[in-house]
Amino acid sequence: MEKQTINPWTWQEARNYAQAVEVKNVTGTLYVSGQTAINKHGVSSVANMRSQITDAIQNTEKVIQQAGYELENIVRLNIYTTSTAELFENFDVLQNWMTKNRIKQSSTVLEVKALFETLKVELEATVVK
């Protein structure tokens, strides 16, 4: 697989994403459903945004790794949140995770009216190999 990021500007570098990601010679594509802070028993978290981001990341990692894909090959990460203000106050959790795993993805952040039950953030990923 070949992967190339396209960034006509430099400002997005500080935010750990790319304006576009081109992939060629892909042998597989994994479309990961939105992952949230729901535990293994299906119970939604009532924790704060920071904890929910951490839990959503862990659930995203688990799905990707169980499918046999690598985190660094996430090429798209959509983030849904009930509060962009709260999300960006805690965005360092996501940025540190992306940096640690060498993730350079295209991305969209959307504020939504509500997520399931008490959830505050949801991560939806596309991964290639």
Protein backbone atom coordinates (compact mmCIF):
# COMPACT_ATOMS: atom_id res chain seq x y z
CA MET A 1 0.00 0.00 0.00
CA GLU A 2 1.13 3.53 -0.78
CA LYS A 3 -0.16 6.44 1.30
CA GLN A 4 0.38 10.13 0.63
CA THR A 5 -0.97 13.13 2.53
CA ILE A 6 -1.93 16.27 0.64
CA ASN A 7 -1.57 19.56 2.51
CA PRO A 8 -1.55 22.76 0.44
CA TRP A 9 -1.03 24.68 3.70
CA THR A 10 0.90 24.03 6.92
CA TRP A 11 -1.56 25.17 9.62
CA GLN A 12 -3.25 21.76 9.89
CA GLU A 13 0.02 20.17 11.04
CA ALA A 14 -0.56 21.56 14.54
CA ARG A 15 -3.95 19.85 14.57
CA ASN A 16 -2.67 16.39 13.53
CA TYR A 17 -4.64 15.87 10.36
CA ALA A 18 -4.30 16.15 6.59
CA GLN A 19 -6.43 17.99 4.06
CA ALA A 20 -6.54 14.77 2.02
CA VAL A 21 -5.03 11.29 2.07
CA GLU A 22 -4.42 9.35 -1.14
CA VAL A 23 -3.98 5.59 -0.98
CA LYS A 24 -2.93 3.26 -3.80
CA ASN A 25 -2.45 -0.49 -4.09
CA VAL A 26 -4.75 -1.19 -1.16
CA THR A 27 -5.35 -4.84 -0.28
CA GLY A 28 -8.14 -4.15 2.20
CA THR A 29 -10.33 -1.38 3.58
CA LEU A 30 -11.96 -1.44 7.01
CA TYR A 31 -14.93 0.84 7.67
CA VAL A 32 -15.27 1.14 11.44
CA SER A 33 -18.69 2.02 12.81
CA GLY A 34 -18.82 4.89 15.26
CA GLN A 35 -17.10 3.89 18.49
CA THR A 36 -18.13 5.48 21.75
CA ALA A 37 -17.63 5.10 25.49
CA ILE A 38 -19.76 1.98 25.75
CA ASN A 39 -18.30 -0.85 27.83
CA LYS A 40 -18.14 -4.54 26.87
CA HIS A 41 -21.57 -5.08 28.41
CA GLY A 42 -23.18 -2.40 26.22
CA VAL A 43 -23.53 0.14 29.02
CA SER A 44 -23.05 3.80 28.06
CA SER A 45 -20.65 5.92 30.06
CA VAL A 46 -21.83 8.80 32.22
CA ALA A 47 -18.25 10.09 32.62
CA ASN A 48 -16.90 13.45 31.51
CA MET A 49 -15.75 14.26 27.97
CA ARG A 50 -12.08 13.48 28.64
CA SER A 51 -12.86 9.98 29.91
CA GLN A 52 -15.30 9.35 27.09
CA ILE A 53 -12.70 10.32 24.48
CA THR A 54 -10.24 7.87 26.05
CA ASP A 55 -12.85 5.09 26.09
CA ALA A 56 -13.89 5.78 22.49
CA ILE A 57 -10.22 5.62 21.42
CA GLN A 58 -9.75 2.29 23.23
CA ASN A 59 -12.85 0.83 21.58
CA THR A 60 -11.71 2.09 18.16
CA GLU A 61 -8.28 0.52 18.68
CA LYS A 62 -9.81 -2.80 19.72
CA VAL A 63 -11.96 -3.08 16.58
CA ILE A 64 -9.10 -2.09 14.27
CA GLN A 65 -6.57 -4.42 15.87
CA GLN A 66 -9.00 -7.35 16.04
CA ALA A 67 -9.57 -6.94 12.28
CA GLY A 68 -5.81 -7.18 11.72
CA TYR A 69 -5.25 -3.56 10.68
CA GLU A 70 -2.71 -1.01 11.95
CA LEU A 71 -3.68 2.23 13.69
CA GLU A 72 -1.19 4.22 11.62
CA ASN A 73 -3.22 3.28 8.52
CA ILE A 74 -6.31 5.20 9.61
CA VAL A 75 -6.95 7.45 6.61
CA ARG A 76 -10.23 9.02 7.71
CA LEU A 77 -11.48 9.84 11.21
CA ASN A 78 -14.84 11.52 11.66
CA ILE A 79 -15.55 12.86 15.13
CA TYR A 80 -19.11 13.45 16.29
CA THR A 81 -19.65 15.33 19.54
CA THR A 82 -22.47 16.86 21.53
CA SER A 83 -20.17 19.78 22.42
CA THR A 84 -17.33 21.07 20.26
CA ALA A 85 -16.32 23.36 23.13
CA GLU A 86 -15.84 20.40 25.49
CA LEU A 87 -14.21 18.32 22.77
CA PHE A 88 -11.60 20.97 21.97
CA GLU A 89 -10.89 21.56 25.67
CA ASN A 90 -9.81 17.90 25.74
CA PHE A 91 -8.50 17.57 22.19
CA ASP A 92 -4.99 16.89 23.46
CA VAL A 93 -6.13 13.32 24.25
CA LEU A 94 -6.86 12.74 20.55
CA GLN A 95 -3.75 14.60 19.38
CA ASN A 96 -1.47 12.62 21.70
CA TRP A 97 -3.04 9.37 20.48
CA MET A 98 -2.60 10.36 16.83
CA THR A 99 1.02 11.40 17.37
CA LYS A 100 1.87 8.25 19.35
CA ASN A 101 0.43 6.01 16.62
CA ARG A 102 1.71 8.05 13.64
CA ILE A 103 -1.86 8.60 12.44
CA LYS A 104 -2.18 11.24 9.70
CA GLN A 105 -5.78 11.18 8.53
CA SER A 106 -8.34 13.31 6.82
CA SER A 107 -10.93 14.34 9.37
CA THR A 108 -14.23 16.06 10.00
CA VAL A 109 -15.60 17.22 13.37
CA LEU A 110 -19.36 17.53 13.63
CA GLU A 111 -21.38 18.82 16.56
CA VAL A 112 -24.63 16.90 16.85
CA LYS A 113 -27.70 17.50 18.99
CA ALA A 114 -27.41 14.15 20.74
CA LEU A 115 -25.69 10.77 20.69
CA PHE A 116 -26.99 7.54 22.20
CA GLU A 117 -28.08 7.94 25.82
CA THR A 118 -25.37 9.78 27.84
CA LEU A 119 -22.61 9.73 25.21
CA LYS A 120 -20.64 12.85 24.29
CA VAL A 121 -18.24 11.71 21.53
CA GLU A 122 -18.16 9.14 18.73
CA LEU A 123 -15.23 8.18 16.47
CA GLU A 124 -15.79 6.75 12.98
CA ALA A 125 -12.71 5.51 11.12
CA THR A 126 -11.64 4.20 7.72
CA VAL A 127 -8.47 2.09 7.74
CA VAL A 128 -6.54 0.56 4.83
CA LYS A 129 -3.84 -2.04 4.31
